[in-house]
Each structure stands twice: as C-alpha cells, then as structure tokens.
Amino acid sequence: MNPDLLRGNLDLILLTILEARPLYGFAIIQEAKERTGGLFDFKEGSLYPALHRLEQDGLLAAQQGEVGRNGKPRKYYAITDQGRQTLQTKRQEFNAFTGAVQRLTGNGA
C-alpha cells in the first residue's frame, strides 16, 4: 500500500482503533494488522510520533499500565472526548472524500 495513503489517514486509523478500548503501542500495531488482513503494518518509528502528537493535541490520553516482559510499564493510549468528536468529523470527511473518488472513477453509485 502507498505509505502516503496511510500517512494522510493516520489520525482516523489510530482514533478508530482506540475507540473501543485503550491499547499500548505494540497492541495498536497488532490490531491494525489484524483488522486489515495485514495491509496496515505500522512501524514503531511512525506510530509513536503520531500517538504523541495526538496526545499533545488532546485527542488521546496516555496512562501507565501493566508491566511488559521487559519489566517496564506499558503506556496505554485512550481516546478522549475531544478525540471522539474529532473521529466523528474525520469519518464524515473520509466518507465524503471516498464517495467523491468512487463517483469520479466510475466505481460509485
């Protein structure tokens, strides 16, 4: 998959994954991979800066959680109320965009 497509929709993807429950970084990577049949395979180098940016923007809140195998506590990311509002807006924008592209390319109704 074209990495630019992922980058342009990364906020939507991450907020969607975290909508159901808080997760730590590796679990987010696994969830994205599982839910897309392996199509979305994030690397830590792109995931963590995005998570930190969303946290700084008030869309995610981080909290320390269970200890991992290495003895370090895991940082869990949870969507905030502001994040849920942003997710709703991003979904609407994405649906409008993909609908327009489908109509343009002849793949829509």
C-alpha atoms as a PDB file:
ATOM      1  CA  MET A   1       0.000   0.000   0.000  1.00  0.00           C
ATOM      2  CA  ASN A   2       1.128   3.504  -0.769  1.00  0.00           C
ATOM      3  CA  PRO A   3       2.535   4.929   2.502  1.00  0.00           C
ATOM      4  CA  ASP A   4       1.162   8.374   1.634  1.00  0.00           C
ATOM      5  CA  LEU A   5      -2.377   6.975   1.855  1.00  0.00           C
ATOM      6  CA  LEU A   6      -1.671   5.693   5.368  1.00  0.00           C
ATOM      7  CA  ARG A   7       0.026   8.920   6.447  1.00  0.00           C
ATOM      8  CA  GLY A   8      -2.876  11.016   5.191  1.00  0.00           C
ATOM      9  CA  ASN A   9      -5.349   8.948   7.193  1.00  0.00           C
ATOM     10  CA  LEU A  10      -3.254   8.005  10.212  1.00  0.00           C
ATOM     11  CA  ASP A  11      -5.252  10.039  12.726  1.00  0.00           C
ATOM     12  CA  LEU A  12      -8.506   8.460  11.539  1.00  0.00           C
ATOM     13  CA  ILE A  13      -6.973   4.976  11.714  1.00  0.00           C
ATOM     14  CA  LEU A  14      -5.464   5.385  15.191  1.00  0.00           C
ATOM     15  CA  LEU A  15      -8.538   7.031  16.695  1.00  0.00           C
ATOM     16  CA  THR A  16     -10.711   4.274  15.241  1.00  0.00           C
ATOM     17  CA  ILE A  17      -8.507   1.546  16.705  1.00  0.00           C
ATOM     18  CA  LEU A  18      -8.548   3.209  20.124  1.00  0.00           C
ATOM     19  CA  GLU A  19     -12.284   3.914  20.064  1.00  0.00           C
ATOM     20  CA  ALA A  20     -13.190   0.608  21.732  1.00  0.00           C
ATOM     21  CA  ARG A  21     -10.509   0.443  24.433  1.00  0.00           C
ATOM     22  CA  PRO A  22      -7.096   1.766  25.456  1.00  0.00           C
ATOM     23  CA  LEU A  23      -4.119  -0.056  23.967  1.00  0.00           C
ATOM     24  CA  TYR A  24      -0.331   0.169  24.134  1.00  0.00           C
ATOM     25  CA  GLY A  25       1.835   0.694  21.061  1.00  0.00           C
ATOM     26  CA  PHE A  26       2.567  -2.891  20.017  1.00  0.00           C
ATOM     27  CA  ALA A  27      -1.079  -3.855  20.584  1.00  0.00           C
ATOM     28  CA  ILE A  28      -2.132  -0.979  18.297  1.00  0.00           C
ATOM     29  CA  ILE A  29       0.198  -2.313  15.590  1.00  0.00           C
ATOM     30  CA  GLN A  30      -1.224  -5.821  16.007  1.00  0.00           C
ATOM     31  CA  GLU A  31      -4.827  -4.586  15.982  1.00  0.00           C
ATOM     32  CA  ALA A  32      -4.272  -2.604  12.773  1.00  0.00           C
ATOM     33  CA  LYS A  33      -2.629  -5.591  11.124  1.00  0.00           C
ATOM     34  CA  GLU A  34      -5.361  -7.986  12.240  1.00  0.00           C
ATOM     35  CA  ARG A  35      -8.299  -5.757  11.284  1.00  0.00           C
ATOM     36  CA  THR A  36      -6.882  -5.100   7.802  1.00  0.00           C
ATOM     37  CA  GLY A  37      -5.668  -8.591   6.980  1.00  0.00           C
ATOM     38  CA  GLY A  38      -2.049  -7.445   7.223  1.00  0.00           C
ATOM     39  CA  LEU A  39      -2.463  -4.483   4.876  1.00  0.00           C
ATOM     40  CA  PHE A  40      -1.683  -1.926   7.590  1.00  0.00           C
ATOM     41  CA  ASP A  41       1.669  -2.816   9.129  1.00  0.00           C
ATOM     42  CA  PHE A  42       2.815   0.202  11.110  1.00  0.00           C
ATOM     43  CA  LYS A  43       6.396   0.642  12.183  1.00  0.00           C
ATOM     44  CA  GLU A  44       7.196   1.976  15.640  1.00  0.00           C
ATOM     45  CA  GLY A  45       9.108   4.873  14.075  1.00  0.00           C
ATOM     46  CA  SER A  46       5.915   6.259  12.546  1.00  0.00           C
ATOM     47  CA  LEU A  47       3.434   5.093  15.187  1.00  0.00           C
ATOM     48  CA  TYR A  48       4.856   6.671  18.337  1.00  0.00           C
ATOM     49  CA  PRO A  49       5.347  10.188  16.935  1.00  0.00           C
ATOM     50  CA  ALA A  50       1.719  10.091  15.744  1.00  0.00           C
ATOM     51  CA  LEU A  51       0.490   8.897  19.155  1.00  0.00           C
ATOM     52  CA  HIS A  52       2.474  11.625  20.919  1.00  0.00           C
ATOM     53  CA  ARG A  53       1.112  14.261  18.533  1.00  0.00           C
ATOM     54  CA  LEU A  54      -2.476  13.105  19.109  1.00  0.00           C
ATOM     55  CA  GLU A  55      -1.819  13.193  22.849  1.00  0.00           C
ATOM     56  CA  GLN A  56      -0.437  16.751  22.632  1.00  0.00           C
ATOM     57  CA  ASP A  57      -3.498  17.754  20.607  1.00  0.00           C
ATOM     58  CA  GLY A  58      -5.761  16.453  23.398  1.00  0.00           C
ATOM     59  CA  LEU A  59      -7.232  13.643  21.272  1.00  0.00           C
ATOM     60  CA  LEU A  60      -5.575  10.865  23.284  1.00  0.00           C
ATOM     61  CA  ALA A  61      -4.638  10.489  26.935  1.00  0.00           C
ATOM     62  CA  ALA A  62      -1.738   8.274  27.960  1.00  0.00           C
ATOM     63  CA  GLN A  63      -1.556   6.311  31.185  1.00  0.00           C
ATOM     64  CA  GLN A  64       0.863   3.776  32.620  1.00  0.00           C
ATOM     65  CA  GLY A  65      -0.473   0.263  32.648  1.00  0.00           C
ATOM     66  CA  GLU A  66       0.665  -3.306  33.147  1.00  0.00           C
ATOM     67  CA  VAL A  67       4.330  -4.189  33.110  1.00  0.00           C
ATOM     68  CA  GLY A  68       5.650  -5.789  29.940  1.00  0.00           C
ATOM     69  CA  ARG A  69       8.001  -8.749  29.654  1.00  0.00           C
ATOM     70  CA  ASN A  70      10.989  -6.432  29.893  1.00  0.00           C
ATOM     71  CA  GLY A  71       9.876  -5.158  33.305  1.00  0.00           C
ATOM     72  CA  LYS A  72       8.957  -1.705  32.018  1.00  0.00           C
ATOM     73  CA  PRO A  73       5.432  -0.355  32.469  1.00  0.00           C
ATOM     74  CA  ARG A  74       3.458  -0.079  29.261  1.00  0.00           C
ATOM     75  CA  LYS A  75       1.976   3.217  28.187  1.00  0.00           C
ATOM     76  CA  TYR A  76      -1.674   2.850  27.209  1.00  0.00           C
ATOM     77  CA  TYR A  77      -3.384   5.333  24.941  1.00  0.00           C
ATOM     78  CA  ALA A  78      -7.093   6.107  25.344  1.00  0.00           C
ATOM     79  CA  ILE A  79      -9.293   8.294  23.181  1.00  0.00           C
ATOM     80  CA  THR A  80     -10.602  11.440  24.882  1.00  0.00           C
ATOM     81  CA  ASP A  81     -13.994  13.100  24.436  1.00  0.00           C
ATOM     82  CA  GLN A  82     -12.325  15.603  22.110  1.00  0.00           C
ATOM     83  CA  GLY A  83     -10.791  12.660  20.253  1.00  0.00           C
ATOM     84  CA  ARG A  84     -14.231  11.082  19.795  1.00  0.00           C
ATOM     85  CA  GLN A  85     -15.583  14.322  18.350  1.00  0.00           C
ATOM     86  CA  THR A  86     -12.604  14.571  16.020  1.00  0.00           C
ATOM     87  CA  LEU A  87     -13.055  10.934  14.992  1.00  0.00           C
ATOM     88  CA  GLN A  88     -16.679  11.612  14.032  1.00  0.00           C
ATOM     89  CA  THR A  89     -15.603  14.590  11.907  1.00  0.00           C
ATOM     90  CA  LYS A  90     -12.770  12.653  10.271  1.00  0.00           C
ATOM     91  CA  ARG A  91     -15.112   9.768   9.429  1.00  0.00           C
ATOM     92  CA  GLN A  92     -17.550  12.152   7.760  1.00  0.00           C
ATOM     93  CA  GLU A  93     -14.739  13.794   5.784  1.00  0.00           C
ATOM     94  CA  PHE A  94     -13.307  10.417   4.755  1.00  0.00           C
ATOM     95  CA  ASN A  95     -16.699   9.081   3.666  1.00  0.00           C
ATOM     96  CA  ALA A  96     -17.373  12.205   1.610  1.00  0.00           C
ATOM     97  CA  PHE A  97     -13.923  12.002   0.018  1.00  0.00           C
ATOM     98  CA  THR A  98     -14.070   8.295  -0.812  1.00  0.00           C
ATOM     99  CA  GLY A  99     -17.595   8.701  -2.184  1.00  0.00           C
ATOM    100  CA  ALA A 100     -16.405  11.509  -4.461  1.00  0.00           C
ATOM    101  CA  VAL A 101     -13.421   9.462  -5.659  1.00  0.00           C
ATOM    102  CA  GLN A 102     -15.675   6.489  -6.363  1.00  0.00           C
ATOM    103  CA  ARG A 103     -18.059   8.655  -8.373  1.00  0.00           C
ATOM    104  CA  LEU A 104     -15.147  10.199 -10.234  1.00  0.00           C
ATOM    105  CA  THR A 105     -13.593   6.851 -11.127  1.00  0.00           C
ATOM    106  CA  GLY A 106     -16.904   5.261 -12.032  1.00  0.00           C
ATOM    107  CA  ASN A 107     -16.918   2.862  -9.078  1.00  0.00           C
ATOM    108  CA  GLY A 108     -19.713   4.556  -7.162  1.00  0.00           C
ATOM    109  CA  ALA A 109     -23.449   4.528  -7.367  1.00  0.00           C
END
